[in-house]
Amino acid sequence: VKGRFTISRDNAKNTVYLQMNSLKPEDTAVYYCTAETVPY
C-alpha cells in the first residue's frame, strides 16, 4: 500500500484515518482499526 494509502491521526479528536487512493481489487477486505495499549 506504500504510495497509495496514508494513515493520519487527530489526537484532539481521538480519531485515526486511512486515506486510500488508487484502489485495486486486491484491496478488497474487511478493514480493522486497532489501538495498542499496555497490556492490551
Full PDB file with SEQRES, HELIX, SHEET, SSBOND, CRYST1, ORIGX, SCALE, CONECT and MASTER records, all heavy atoms in Angstrom:
SEQRES   1 A   40  VAL LYS GLY ARG PHE THR ILE SER ARG ASP ASN ALA LYS          
SEQRES   2 A   40  ASN THR VAL TYR LEU GLN MET ASN SER LEU LYS PRO GLU          
SEQRES   3 A   40  ASP THR ALA VAL TYR TYR CYS THR ALA GLU THR VAL PRO          
SEQRES   4 A   40  TYR                                                          
HELIX    1 AA1 PRO A   25  ASP A   27  5                                   3    
SHEET    1 AA1 2 PHE A   5  ASP A  10  0                                        
SHEET    2 AA1 2 THR A  15  MET A  20 -1                                        
CRYST1    1.000    1.000    1.000  90.00  90.00  90.00 P 1           1          
ORIGX1      1.000000  0.000000  0.000000        0.00000                         
ORIGX2      0.000000  1.000000  0.000000        0.00000                         
ORIGX3      0.000000  0.000000  1.000000        0.00000                         
SCALE1      1.000000  0.000000  0.000000        0.00000                         
SCALE2      0.000000  1.000000  0.000000        0.00000                         
SCALE3      0.000000  0.000000  1.000000        0.00000                         
ATOM      1  N   VAL A   1       0.811  -1.220   0.000  1.00  0.00           N  
ATOM      2  CA  VAL A   1       0.000   0.000   0.000  1.00  0.00           C  
ATOM      3  C   VAL A   1       0.845   1.270   0.000  1.00  0.00           C  
ATOM      4  O   VAL A   1       0.285   2.380  -0.066  1.00  0.00           O  
ATOM      5  CB  VAL A   1      -0.979   0.027   1.200  1.00  0.00           C  
ATOM      6  CG1 VAL A   1      -1.824  -1.222   1.233  1.00  0.00           C  
ATOM      7  CG2 VAL A   1      -0.244   0.231   2.516  1.00  0.00           C  
ATOM      8  N   LYS A   2       2.144   1.132   0.066  1.00  0.00           N  
ATOM      9  CA  LYS A   2       3.018   2.322   0.087  1.00  0.00           C  
ATOM     10  C   LYS A   2       2.784   3.166  -1.163  1.00  0.00           C  
ATOM     11  O   LYS A   2       2.719   2.651  -2.272  1.00  0.00           O  
ATOM     12  CB  LYS A   2       4.487   1.889   0.157  1.00  0.00           C  
ATOM     13  CG  LYS A   2       4.948   1.491   1.542  1.00  0.00           C  
ATOM     14  CD  LYS A   2       6.420   1.089   1.546  1.00  0.00           C  
ATOM     15  CE  LYS A   2       6.859   0.670   2.930  1.00  0.00           C  
ATOM     16  NZ  LYS A   2       8.268   0.196   2.944  1.00  0.00           N  
ATOM     17  N   GLY A   3       2.657   4.465  -0.951  1.00  0.00           N  
ATOM     18  CA  GLY A   3       2.434   5.386  -2.055  1.00  0.00           C  
ATOM     19  C   GLY A   3       0.971   5.541  -2.427  1.00  0.00           C  
ATOM     20  O   GLY A   3       0.630   6.440  -3.209  1.00  0.00           O  
ATOM     21  N   ARG A   4       0.113   4.667  -1.907  1.00  0.00           N  
ATOM     22  CA  ARG A   4      -1.325   4.753  -2.223  1.00  0.00           C  
ATOM     23  C   ARG A   4      -2.167   5.083  -0.984  1.00  0.00           C  
ATOM     24  O   ARG A   4      -3.173   5.778  -1.093  1.00  0.00           O  
ATOM     25  CB  ARG A   4      -1.812   3.420  -2.811  1.00  0.00           C  
ATOM     26  CG  ARG A   4      -1.115   3.015  -4.094  1.00  0.00           C  
ATOM     27  CD  ARG A   4      -1.785   1.803  -4.726  1.00  0.00           C  
ATOM     28  NE  ARG A   4      -1.757   0.625  -3.869  1.00  0.00           N  
ATOM     29  CZ  ARG A   4      -2.831  -0.040  -3.478  1.00  0.00           C  
ATOM     30  NH1 ARG A   4      -4.040   0.364  -3.852  1.00  0.00           N  
ATOM     31  NH2 ARG A   4      -2.713  -1.112  -2.710  1.00  0.00           N  
ATOM     32  N   PHE A   5      -1.775   4.569   0.159  1.00  0.00           N  
ATOM     33  CA  PHE A   5      -2.530   4.776   1.397  1.00  0.00           C  
ATOM     34  C   PHE A   5      -1.767   5.726   2.311  1.00  0.00           C  
ATOM     35  O   PHE A   5      -0.539   5.714   2.348  1.00  0.00           O  
ATOM     36  CB  PHE A   5      -2.725   3.453   2.132  1.00  0.00           C  
ATOM     37  CG  PHE A   5      -3.666   2.478   1.469  1.00  0.00           C  
ATOM     38  CD1 PHE A   5      -4.124   2.665   0.168  1.00  0.00           C  
ATOM     39  CD2 PHE A   5      -4.084   1.350   2.157  1.00  0.00           C  
ATOM     40  CE1 PHE A   5      -4.980   1.757  -0.430  1.00  0.00           C  
ATOM     41  CE2 PHE A   5      -4.938   0.429   1.578  1.00  0.00           C  
ATOM     42  CZ  PHE A   5      -5.380   0.639   0.272  1.00  0.00           C  
ATOM     43  N   THR A   6      -2.514   6.511   3.082  1.00  0.00           N  
ATOM     44  CA  THR A   6      -1.919   7.411   4.063  1.00  0.00           C  
ATOM     45  C   THR A   6      -2.678   7.294   5.375  1.00  0.00           C  
ATOM     46  O   THR A   6      -3.908   7.464   5.394  1.00  0.00           O  
ATOM     47  CB  THR A   6      -1.957   8.862   3.580  1.00  0.00           C  
ATOM     48  OG1 THR A   6      -1.265   8.977   2.332  1.00  0.00           O  
ATOM     49  CG2 THR A   6      -1.280   9.774   4.610  1.00  0.00           C  
ATOM     50  N   ILE A   7      -1.950   7.003   6.439  1.00  0.00           N  
ATOM     51  CA  ILE A   7      -2.555   6.962   7.766  1.00  0.00           C  
ATOM     52  C   ILE A   7      -2.270   8.282   8.464  1.00  0.00           C  
ATOM     53  O   ILE A   7      -1.178   8.849   8.330  1.00  0.00           O  
ATOM     54  CB  ILE A   7      -2.017   5.759   8.592  1.00  0.00           C  
ATOM     55  CG1 ILE A   7      -2.810   5.587   9.882  1.00  0.00           C  
ATOM     56  CG2 ILE A   7      -0.517   5.891   8.865  1.00  0.00           C  
ATOM     57  CD1 ILE A   7      -2.489   4.296  10.633  1.00  0.00           C  
ATOM     58  N   SER A   8      -3.258   8.776   9.177  1.00  0.00           N  
ATOM     59  CA  SER A   8      -3.073  10.018   9.932  1.00  0.00           C  
ATOM     60  C   SER A   8      -3.866   9.921  11.227  1.00  0.00           C  
ATOM     61  O   SER A   8      -4.724   9.043  11.379  1.00  0.00           O  
ATOM     62  CB  SER A   8      -3.516  11.229   9.104  1.00  0.00           C  
ATOM     63  OG  SER A   8      -4.883  11.135   8.761  1.00  0.00           O  
ATOM     64  N   ARG A   9      -3.573  10.851  12.113  1.00  0.00           N  
ATOM     65  CA  ARG A   9      -4.143  10.759  13.455  1.00  0.00           C  
ATOM     66  C   ARG A   9      -4.457  12.142  13.966  1.00  0.00           C  
ATOM     67  O   ARG A   9      -3.625  13.051  13.859  1.00  0.00           O  
ATOM     68  CB  ARG A   9      -3.127  10.056  14.358  1.00  0.00           C  
ATOM     69  CG  ARG A   9      -3.516   9.800  15.781  1.00  0.00           C  
ATOM     70  CD  ARG A   9      -2.459   8.891  16.415  1.00  0.00           C  
ATOM     71  NE  ARG A   9      -2.763   8.653  17.807  1.00  0.00           N  
ATOM     72  CZ  ARG A   9      -2.111   7.762  18.562  1.00  0.00           C  
ATOM     73  NH1 ARG A   9      -1.124   7.050  18.054  1.00  0.00           N  
ATOM     74  NH2 ARG A   9      -2.440   7.588  19.827  1.00  0.00           N  
ATOM     75  N   ASP A  10      -5.640  12.327  14.504  1.00  0.00           N  
ATOM     76  CA  ASP A  10      -6.040  13.576  15.137  1.00  0.00           C  
ATOM     77  C   ASP A  10      -6.184  13.272  16.624  1.00  0.00           C  
ATOM     78  O   ASP A  10      -7.211  12.744  17.057  1.00  0.00           O  
ATOM     79  CB  ASP A  10      -7.349  14.085  14.537  1.00  0.00           C  
ATOM     80  CG  ASP A  10      -7.751  15.450  15.040  1.00  0.00           C  
ATOM     81  OD1 ASP A  10      -7.358  15.796  16.181  1.00  0.00           O  
ATOM     82  OD2 ASP A  10      -8.452  16.160  14.323  1.00  0.00           O  
ATOM     83  N   ASN A  11      -5.163  13.591  17.384  1.00  0.00           N  
ATOM     84  CA  ASN A  11      -5.179  13.257  18.812  1.00  0.00           C  
ATOM     85  C   ASN A  11      -6.264  14.026  19.561  1.00  0.00           C  
ATOM     86  O   ASN A  11      -6.814  13.528  20.545  1.00  0.00           O  
ATOM     87  CB  ASN A  11      -3.812  13.514  19.433  1.00  0.00           C  
ATOM     88  CG  ASN A  11      -2.761  12.511  18.976  1.00  0.00           C  
ATOM     89  OD1 ASN A  11      -3.070  11.354  18.696  1.00  0.00           O  
ATOM     90  ND2 ASN A  11      -1.515  12.955  18.878  1.00  0.00           N  
ATOM     91  N   ALA A  12      -6.587  15.224  19.099  1.00  0.00           N  
ATOM     92  CA  ALA A  12      -7.620  16.015  19.774  1.00  0.00           C  
ATOM     93  C   ALA A  12      -8.994  15.362  19.629  1.00  0.00           C  
ATOM     94  O   ALA A  12      -9.840  15.476  20.520  1.00  0.00           O  
ATOM     95  CB  ALA A  12      -7.651  17.426  19.211  1.00  0.00           C  
ATOM     96  N   LYS A  13      -9.198  14.679  18.508  1.00  0.00           N  
ATOM     97  CA  LYS A  13     -10.473  14.016  18.263  1.00  0.00           C  
ATOM     98  C   LYS A  13     -10.412  12.527  18.569  1.00  0.00           C  
ATOM     99  O   LYS A  13     -11.404  11.818  18.386  1.00  0.00           O  
ATOM    100  CB  LYS A  13     -10.900  14.213  16.811  1.00  0.00           C  
ATOM    101  CG  LYS A  13     -11.207  15.650  16.442  1.00  0.00           C  
ATOM    102  CD  LYS A  13     -11.684  15.752  14.996  1.00  0.00           C  
ATOM    103  CE  LYS A  13     -12.032  17.181  14.630  1.00  0.00           C  
ATOM    104  NZ  LYS A  13     -12.501  17.306  13.227  1.00  0.00           N  
ATOM    105  N   ASN A  14      -9.235  12.045  18.974  1.00  0.00           N  
ATOM    106  CA  ASN A  14      -9.064  10.613  19.256  1.00  0.00           C  
ATOM    107  C   ASN A  14      -9.491   9.765  18.067  1.00  0.00           C  
ATOM    108  O   ASN A  14     -10.184   8.743  18.221  1.00  0.00           O  
ATOM    109  CB  ASN A  14      -9.845  10.211  20.510  1.00  0.00           C  
ATOM    110  CG  ASN A  14      -9.391  10.952  21.745  1.00  0.00           C  
ATOM    111  OD1 ASN A  14      -8.199  11.076  21.978  1.00  0.00           O  
ATOM    112  ND2 ASN A  14     -10.342  11.491  22.504  1.00  0.00           N  
ATOM    113  N   THR A  15      -9.089  10.205  16.897  1.00  0.00           N  
ATOM    114  CA  THR A  15      -9.502   9.551  15.654  1.00  0.00           C  
ATOM    115  C   THR A  15      -8.290   9.293  14.780  1.00  0.00           C  
ATOM    116  O   THR A  15      -7.395  10.142  14.692  1.00  0.00           O  
ATOM    117  CB  THR A  15     -10.523  10.415  14.899  1.00  0.00           C  
ATOM    118  OG1 THR A  15     -11.680  10.607  15.731  1.00  0.00           O  
ATOM    119  CG2 THR A  15     -10.956   9.746  13.606  1.00  0.00           C  
ATOM    120  N   VAL A  16      -8.285   8.140  14.155  1.00  0.00           N  
ATOM    121  CA  VAL A  16      -7.253   7.803  13.180  1.00  0.00           C  
ATOM    122  C   VAL A  16      -7.945   7.584  11.833  1.00  0.00           C  
ATOM    123  O   VAL A  16      -9.076   7.092  11.775  1.00  0.00           O  
ATOM    124  CB  VAL A  16      -6.440   6.565  13.610  1.00  0.00           C  
ATOM    125  CG1 VAL A  16      -7.310   5.322  13.646  1.00  0.00           C  
ATOM    126  CG2 VAL A  16      -5.242   6.356  12.705  1.00  0.00           C  
ATOM    127  N   TYR A  17      -7.265   7.974  10.765  1.00  0.00           N  
ATOM    128  CA  TYR A  17      -7.823   7.907   9.428  1.00  0.00           C  
ATOM    129  C   TYR A  17      -6.932   7.046   8.535  1.00  0.00           C  
ATOM    130  O   TYR A  17      -5.727   6.919   8.776  1.00  0.00           O  
ATOM    131  CB  TYR A  17      -7.932   9.298   8.816  1.00  0.00           C  
ATOM    132  CG  TYR A  17      -8.718  10.280   9.645  1.00  0.00           C  
ATOM    133  CD1 TYR A  17      -8.068  11.154  10.516  1.00  0.00           C  
ATOM    134  CD2 TYR A  17     -10.104  10.337   9.560  1.00  0.00           C  
ATOM    135  CE1 TYR A  17      -8.778  12.051  11.290  1.00  0.00           C  
ATOM    136  CE2 TYR A  17     -10.829  11.236  10.323  1.00  0.00           C  
ATOM    137  CZ  TYR A  17     -10.162  12.095  11.182  1.00  0.00           C  
ATOM    138  OH  TYR A  17     -10.889  12.981  11.942  1.00  0.00           O  
ATOM    139  N   LEU A  18      -7.544   6.491   7.507  1.00  0.00           N  
ATOM    140  CA  LEU A  18      -6.786   5.808   6.465  1.00  0.00           C  
ATOM    141  C   LEU A  18      -7.320   6.296   5.122  1.00  0.00           C  
ATOM    142  O   LEU A  18      -8.437   5.950   4.730  1.00  0.00           O  
ATOM    143  CB  LEU A  18      -6.920   4.286   6.575  1.00  0.00           C  
ATOM    144  CG  LEU A  18      -6.045   3.501   5.599  1.00  0.00           C  
ATOM    145  CD1 LEU A  18      -4.557   3.669   5.954  1.00  0.00           C  
ATOM    146  CD2 LEU A  18      -6.413   2.013   5.589  1.00  0.00           C  
ATOM    147  N   GLN A  19      -6.534   7.142   4.474  1.00  0.00           N  
ATOM    148  CA  GLN A  19      -6.881   7.615   3.142  1.00  0.00           C  
ATOM    149  C   GLN A  19      -6.355   6.605   2.136  1.00  0.00           C  
ATOM    150  O   GLN A  19      -5.151   6.331   2.102  1.00  0.00           O  
ATOM    151  CB  GLN A  19      -6.265   8.984   2.880  1.00  0.00           C  
ATOM    152  CG  GLN A  19      -6.529   9.523   1.488  1.00  0.00           C  
ATOM    153  CD  GLN A  19      -7.992   9.832   1.243  1.00  0.00           C  
ATOM    154  OE1 GLN A  19      -8.664  10.412   2.092  1.00  0.00           O  
ATOM    155  NE2 GLN A  19      -8.506   9.444   0.080  1.00  0.00           N  
ATOM    156  N   MET A  20      -7.245   6.056   1.338  1.00  0.00           N  
ATOM    157  CA  MET A  20      -6.877   5.013   0.380  1.00  0.00           C  
ATOM    158  C   MET A  20      -7.143   5.513  -1.031  1.00  0.00           C  
ATOM    159  O   MET A  20      -8.294   5.789  -1.390  1.00  0.00           O  
ATOM    160  CB  MET A  20      -7.686   3.737   0.652  1.00  0.00           C  
ATOM    161  CG  MET A  20      -7.572   3.231   2.087  1.00  0.00           C  
ATOM    162  SD  MET A  20      -8.412   1.656   2.349  1.00  0.00           S  
ATOM    163  CE  MET A  20     -10.113   2.162   2.113  1.00  0.00           C  
ATOM    164  N   ASN A  21      -6.081   5.656  -1.806  1.00  0.00           N  
ATOM    165  CA  ASN A  21      -6.173   6.126  -3.191  1.00  0.00           C  
ATOM    166  C   ASN A  21      -5.731   5.018  -4.139  1.00  0.00           C  
ATOM    167  O   ASN A  21      -5.082   4.054  -3.731  1.00  0.00           O  
ATOM    168  CB  ASN A  21      -5.304   7.365  -3.389  1.00  0.00           C  
ATOM    169  CG  ASN A  21      -5.726   8.531  -2.529  1.00  0.00           C  
ATOM    170  OD1 ASN A  21      -6.918   8.700  -2.228  1.00  0.00           O  
ATOM    171  ND2 ASN A  21      -4.756   9.340  -2.116  1.00  0.00           N  
ATOM    172  N   SER A  22      -6.071   5.189  -5.391  1.00  0.00           N  
ATOM    173  CA  SER A  22      -5.691   4.215  -6.432  1.00  0.00           C  
ATOM    174  C   SER A  22      -6.018   2.792  -5.996  1.00  0.00           C  
ATOM    175  O   SER A  22      -5.187   1.879  -6.090  1.00  0.00           O  
ATOM    176  CB  SER A  22      -4.183   4.342  -6.734  1.00  0.00           C  
ATOM    177  OG  SER A  22      -3.876   5.644  -7.147  1.00  0.00           O  
ATOM    178  N   LEU A  23      -7.225   2.605  -5.542  1.00  0.00           N  
ATOM    179  CA  LEU A  23      -7.623   1.303  -5.014  1.00  0.00           C  
ATOM    180  C   LEU A  23      -7.638   0.239  -6.092  1.00  0.00           C  
ATOM    181  O   LEU A  23      -7.959   0.510  -7.260  1.00  0.00           O  
ATOM    182  CB  LEU A  23      -8.993   1.402  -4.343  1.00  0.00           C  
ATOM    183  CG  LEU A  23      -8.958   2.042  -2.946  1.00  0.00           C  
ATOM    184  CD1 LEU A  23     -10.326   2.549  -2.550  1.00  0.00           C  
ATOM    185  CD2 LEU A  23      -8.432   1.052  -1.935  1.00  0.00           C  
ATOM    186  N   LYS A  24      -7.276  -0.975  -5.681  1.00  0.00           N  
ATOM    187  CA  LYS A  24      -7.207  -2.125  -6.567  1.00  0.00           C  
ATOM    188  C   LYS A  24      -8.156  -3.214  -6.058  1.00  0.00           C  
ATOM    189  O   LYS A  24      -8.452  -3.254  -4.855  1.00  0.00           O  
ATOM    190  CB  LYS A  24      -5.785  -2.682  -6.591  1.00  0.00           C  
ATOM    191  CG  LYS A  24      -4.713  -1.678  -6.961  1.00  0.00           C  
ATOM    192  CD  LYS A  24      -3.325  -2.296  -6.835  1.00  0.00           C  
ATOM    193  CE  LYS A  24      -2.239  -1.291  -7.175  1.00  0.00           C  
ATOM    194  NZ  LYS A  24      -0.878  -1.879  -7.058  1.00  0.00           N  
ATOM    195  N   PRO A  25      -8.593  -4.100  -6.931  1.00  0.00           N  
ATOM    196  CA  PRO A  25      -9.461  -5.197  -6.463  1.00  0.00           C  
ATOM    197  C   PRO A  25      -8.832  -6.000  -5.321  1.00  0.00           C  
ATOM    198  O   PRO A  25      -9.557  -6.466  -4.431  1.00  0.00           O  
ATOM    199  CB  PRO A  25      -9.640  -6.048  -7.717  1.00  0.00           C  
ATOM    200  CG  PRO A  25      -9.535  -5.071  -8.841  1.00  0.00           C  
ATOM    201  CD  PRO A  25      -8.481  -4.081  -8.395  1.00  0.00           C  
ATOM    202  N   GLU A  26      -7.522  -6.135  -5.322  1.00  0.00           N  
ATOM    203  CA  GLU A  26      -6.866  -6.894  -4.254  1.00  0.00           C  
ATOM    204  C   GLU A  26      -6.865  -6.174  -2.913  1.00  0.00           C  
ATOM    205  O   GLU A  26      -6.436  -6.725  -1.901  1.00  0.00           O  
ATOM    206  CB  GLU A  26      -5.427  -7.271  -4.642  1.00  0.00           C  
ATOM    207  CG  GLU A  26      -4.586  -6.119  -5.137  1.00  0.00           C  
ATOM    208  CD  GLU A  26      -4.561  -6.014  -6.649  1.00  0.00           C  
ATOM    209  OE1 GLU A  26      -5.630  -6.158  -7.288  1.00  0.00           O  
ATOM    210  OE2 GLU A  26      -3.461  -5.765  -7.205  1.00  0.00           O  
ATOM    211  N   ASP A  27      -7.344  -4.930  -2.883  1.00  0.00           N  
ATOM    212  CA  ASP A  27      -7.506  -4.226  -1.608  1.00  0.00           C  
ATOM    213  C   ASP A  27      -8.825  -4.594  -0.928  1.00  0.00           C  
ATOM    214  O   ASP A  27      -9.075  -4.180   0.207  1.00  0.00           O  
ATOM    215  CB  ASP A  27      -7.475  -2.707  -1.818  1.00  0.00           C  
ATOM    216  CG  ASP A  27      -6.126  -2.208  -2.298  1.00  0.00           C  
ATOM    217  OD1 ASP A  27      -5.091  -2.677  -1.776  1.00  0.00           O  
ATOM    218  OD2 ASP A  27      -6.106  -1.338  -3.206  1.00  0.00           O  
ATOM    219  N   THR A  28      -9.657  -5.370  -1.623  1.00  0.00           N  
ATOM    220  CA  THR A  28     -10.925  -5.795  -1.042  1.00  0.00           C  
ATOM    221  C   THR A  28     -10.687  -6.608   0.222  1.00  0.00           C  
ATOM    222  O   THR A  28      -9.927  -7.578   0.222  1.00  0.00           O  
ATOM    223  CB  THR A  28     -11.718  -6.636  -2.061  1.00  0.00           C  
ATOM    224  OG1 THR A  28     -12.082  -5.804  -3.162  1.00  0.00           O  
ATOM    225  CG2 THR A  28     -12.966  -7.235  -1.423  1.00  0.00           C  
ATOM    226  N   ALA A  29     -11.305  -6.188   1.317  1.00  0.00           N  
ATOM    227  CA  ALA A  29     -11.089  -6.831   2.605  1.00  0.00           C  
ATOM    228  C   ALA A  29     -11.985  -6.176   3.651  1.00  0.00           C  
ATOM    229  O   ALA A  29     -12.573  -5.120   3.403  1.00  0.00           O  
ATOM    230  CB  ALA A  29      -9.626  -6.698   3.041  1.00  0.00           C  
ATOM    231  N   VAL A  30     -12.035  -6.800   4.814  1.00  0.00           N  
ATOM    232  CA  VAL A  30     -12.580  -6.129   5.993  1.00  0.00           C  
ATOM    233  C   VAL A  30     -11.407  -5.413   6.655  1.00  0.00           C  
ATOM    234  O   VAL A  30     -10.373  -6.033   6.926  1.00  0.00           O  
ATOM    235  CB  VAL A  30     -13.239  -7.112   6.970  1.00  0.00           C  
ATOM    236  CG1 VAL A  30     -13.730  -6.370   8.208  1.00  0.00           C  
ATOM    237  CG2 VAL A  30     -14.380  -7.846   6.290  1.00  0.00           C  
ATOM    238  N   TYR A  31     -11.576  -4.148   6.896  1.00  0.00           N  
ATOM    239  CA  TYR A  31     -10.524  -3.327   7.493  1.00  0.00           C  
ATOM    240  C   TYR A  31     -10.832  -3.097   8.968  1.00  0.00           C  
ATOM    241  O   TYR A  31     -11.951  -2.702   9.324  1.00  0.00           O  
ATOM    242  CB  TYR A  31     -10.413  -1.993   6.765  1.00  0.00           C  
ATOM    243  CG  TYR A  31      -9.708  -2.123   5.438  1.00  0.00           C  
ATOM    244  CD1 TYR A  31     -10.313  -2.761   4.358  1.00  0.00           C  
ATOM    245  CD2 TYR A  31      -8.415  -1.608   5.245  1.00  0.00           C  
ATOM    246  CE1 TYR A  31      -9.659  -2.910   3.139  1.00  0.00           C  
ATOM    247  CE2 TYR A  31      -7.767  -1.740   4.026  1.00  0.00           C  
ATOM    248  CZ  TYR A  31      -8.396  -2.392   2.990  1.00  0.00           C  
ATOM    249  OH  TYR A  31      -7.745  -2.529   1.779  1.00  0.00           O  
ATOM    250  N   TYR A  32      -9.829  -3.344   9.802  1.00  0.00           N  
ATOM    251  CA  TYR A  32      -9.967  -3.225  11.242  1.00  0.00           C  
ATOM    252  C   TYR A  32      -9.024  -2.164  11.776  1.00  0.00           C  
ATOM    253  O   TYR A  32      -7.863  -2.085  11.388  1.00  0.00           O  
ATOM    254  CB  TYR A  32      -9.631  -4.546  11.931  1.00  0.00           C  
ATOM    255  CG  TYR A  32     -10.544  -5.697  11.587  1.00  0.00           C  
ATOM    256  CD1 TYR A  32     -10.249  -6.538  10.518  1.00  0.00           C  
ATOM    257  CD2 TYR A  32     -11.690  -5.946  12.331  1.00  0.00           C  
ATOM    258  CE1 TYR A  32     -11.079  -7.599  10.194  1.00  0.00           C  
ATOM    259  CE2 TYR A  32     -12.529  -7.005  12.014  1.00  0.00           C  
ATOM    260  CZ  TYR A  32     -12.215  -7.817  10.947  1.00  0.00           C  
ATOM    261  OH  TYR A  32     -13.039  -8.871  10.638  1.00  0.00           O  
ATOM    262  N   CYS A  33      -9.523  -1.409  12.720  1.00  0.00           N  
ATOM    263  CA  CYS A  33      -8.716  -0.444  13.448  1.00  0.00           C  
ATOM    264  C   CYS A  33      -8.283  -1.085  14.763  1.00  0.00           C  
ATOM    265  O   CYS A  33      -9.057  -1.839  15.372  1.00  0.00           O  
ATOM    266  CB  CYS A  33      -9.553   0.802  13.707  1.00  0.00           C  
ATOM    267  SG  CYS A  33      -8.818   2.015  14.806  1.00  0.00           S  
ATOM    268  N   THR A  34      -7.091  -0.785  15.197  1.00  0.00           N  
ATOM    269  CA  THR A  34      -6.621  -1.304  16.472  1.00  0.00           C  
ATOM    270  C   THR A  34      -5.895  -0.218  17.249  1.00  0.00           C  
ATOM    271  O   THR A  34      -5.256   0.656  16.660  1.00  0.00           O  
ATOM    272  CB  THR A  34      -5.708  -2.533  16.262  1.00  0.00           C  
ATOM    273  OG1 THR A  34      -5.299  -3.035  17.534  1.00  0.00           O  
ATOM    274  CG2 THR A  34      -4.464  -2.178  15.474  1.00  0.00           C  
ATOM    275  N   ALA A  35      -6.029  -0.275  18.550  1.00  0.00           N  
ATOM    276  CA  ALA A  35      -5.349   0.660  19.450  1.00  0.00           C  
ATOM    277  C   ALA A  35      -4.463  -0.154  20.390  1.00  0.00           C  
ATOM    278  O   ALA A  35      -4.936  -1.092  21.046  1.00  0.00           O  
ATOM    279  CB  ALA A  35      -6.359   1.464  20.241  1.00  0.00           C  
ATOM    280  N   GLU A  36      -3.210   0.208  20.413  1.00  0.00           N  
ATOM    281  CA  GLU A  36      -2.249  -0.519  21.227  1.00  0.00           C  
ATOM    282  C   GLU A  36      -2.050   0.188  22.563  1.00  0.00           C  
ATOM    283  O   GLU A  36      -1.694   1.366  22.607  1.00  0.00           O  
ATOM    284  CB  GLU A  36      -0.923  -0.634  20.481  1.00  0.00           C  
ATOM    285  CG  GLU A  36      -1.033  -1.391  19.158  1.00  0.00           C  
ATOM    286  CD  GLU A  36       0.259  -1.389  18.364  1.00  0.00           C  
ATOM    287  OE1 GLU A  36       1.280  -0.925  18.887  1.00  0.00           O  
ATOM    288  OE2 GLU A  36       0.238  -1.851  17.212  1.00  0.00           O  
ATOM    289  N   THR A  37      -2.334  -0.544  23.633  1.00  0.00           N  
ATOM    290  CA  THR A  37      -2.072  -0.042  24.982  1.00  0.00           C  
ATOM    291  C   THR A  37      -1.281  -1.115  25.720  1.00  0.00           C  
ATOM    292  O   THR A  37      -1.044  -2.198  25.195  1.00  0.00           O  
ATOM    293  CB  THR A  37      -3.376   0.251  25.741  1.00  0.00           C  
ATOM    294  OG1 THR A  37      -4.009  -0.993  26.111  1.00  0.00           O  
ATOM    295  CG2 THR A  37      -4.345   1.068  24.896  1.00  0.00           C  
ATOM    296  N   VAL A  38      -0.871  -0.798  26.905  1.00  0.00           N  
ATOM    297  CA  VAL A  38      -0.221  -1.797  27.753  1.00  0.00           C  
ATOM    298  C   VAL A  38      -1.208  -2.194  28.836  1.00  0.00           C  
ATOM    299  O   VAL A  38      -1.636  -1.334  29.616  1.00  0.00           O  
ATOM    300  CB  VAL A  38       1.074  -1.243  28.364  1.00  0.00           C  
ATOM    301  CG1 VAL A  38       1.709  -2.282  29.294  1.00  0.00           C  
ATOM    302  CG2 VAL A  38       2.045  -0.840  27.257  1.00  0.00           C  
ATOM    303  N   PRO A  39      -1.577  -3.462  28.983  1.00  0.00           N  
ATOM    304  CA  PRO A  39      -1.030  -4.599  28.234  1.00  0.00           C  
ATOM    305  C   PRO A  39      -1.899  -5.109  27.080  1.00  0.00           C  
ATOM    306  O   PRO A  39      -1.606  -6.151  26.508  1.00  0.00           O  
ATOM    307  CB  PRO A  39      -0.974  -5.675  29.320  1.00  0.00           C  
ATOM    308  CG  PRO A  39      -2.195  -5.407  30.134  1.00  0.00           C  
ATOM    309  CD  PRO A  39      -2.390  -3.917  30.110  1.00  0.00           C  
ATOM    310  N   TYR A  40      -2.988  -4.404  26.750  1.00  0.00           N  
ATOM    311  CA  TYR A  40      -3.934  -4.938  25.780  1.00  0.00           C  
ATOM    312  C   TYR A  40      -3.909  -4.187  24.452  1.00  0.00           C  
ATOM    313  O   TYR A  40      -3.588  -2.999  24.390  1.00  0.00           O  
ATOM    314  CB  TYR A  40      -5.363  -4.868  26.330  1.00  0.00           C  
ATOM    315  CG  TYR A  40      -5.556  -5.591  27.633  1.00  0.00           C  
ATOM    316  CD1 TYR A  40      -5.810  -4.875  28.802  1.00  0.00           C  
ATOM    317  CD2 TYR A  40      -5.487  -6.975  27.709  1.00  0.00           C  
ATOM    318  CE1 TYR A  40      -5.991  -5.520  30.009  1.00  0.00           C  
ATOM    319  CE2 TYR A  40      -5.663  -7.627  28.912  1.00  0.00           C  
ATOM    320  CZ  TYR A  40      -5.913  -6.904  30.062  1.00  0.00           C  
ATOM    321  OH  TYR A  40      -6.090  -7.550  31.253  1.00  0.00           O  
TER     322      TYR A  40                                                      
MASTER        0    0    0    1    2    0    0    6  321    1    0    4          
END                                                                             
